[in-house]
Each structure stands twice: as C-alpha cells, then as structure tokens.
Amino acid sequence: MIGKTAALLLALVAGCYSTFEEQKAGPVSPKPKAHQPAKKAQKAKKAKKKPQQSYTEAWRLICHAERLSGAQSLSGKARESAVTSWIVEHLKNKEARYWFIGLGQLKREHRLQRFLAEARKAGFATCPCAPILFPKRQPEPDAGAGAG
C-alpha cells in the first residue's frame, strides 16, 4: 500500500512541478483570439497562390520569352542575355528546369534539334525564341588557313 501512495505522490509532484518563473507568469493559456485572423489571412494567401507552373506553361514562357521579357528592342548579345536571364527568373517548373540542365550536357551541334523536339513534345510546333537561344555562330577561321 505504501508503494502505491508513494507512486501517486511522485506523479502529483512531477505533474505539478514548475519553476519559480513559471509560477510568476501565471497559468498558461491558449493563444489570444487576436492571432487567429493572422492565421486565416495566411490560409487565404496560400489558397490564392497561383497553381504550380505546368510543363506546357513553362514551354510557352520559353518559346515566347523574347516578347514576354521585352527584349525585342535589344540586339545581339544584349538580347540573348536579357532573354536567358528572363527565362531563368520565370521558369519554375522543375521538370523543365532539369531538362535545360540536361540540354547543357549535349554537344553544342545537337542542342537546337533537341530543343525544338522538346518544344514540339510540349505542344509547340514552332518556338520563336529558338534563334535567340541558339544563334548561328560564324565558324571561326582556321588558324592555319592564312599561313603559307
């Protein structure tokens, strides 16, 4: 009988034990109602959040990046740079982003062909941005051609 009483007292002491600071602060109460509207606002913000970018939407952004970025007025390297920067900033679809990383692993001469094939797969028969992303580079003159 003494064992049960000791165990009960020990449980009561352990359950009621608190530090002096906690006693001064008083009993713990639930968060005041003033915080609940903030939670509702957070939930509403999440609900209004745009849906995740689809693969097709990602390719629409890629193919029309020149127009969407406003880079039409630029020329040469400035246009290429503006368009690629815009794509990097606005491309949110993970699958499309990973695809572009893989594209960089290909030999340069195969990239345009794979790019256009992937655009067709995503539903775009043409991709107006392709010439900007893959400009035809003038072949560099052969170093030994002028010697003789």
Foldseek 3Di string as FASTA:
>chain_A
DVVVVVVVVVVVCVVPDDDPVCVVVPDDDDDDPVCVVVVVVVVVVVVPDDDFQDPLNLLVCLLCQLVVQVLPVPDDPVSLVSSVVSSVVPRGDPVVVVVVVVLVVDDLVCSLVVSCVVSVVSPDNDRNCSCSNNPDDDDDDDPCPPPD
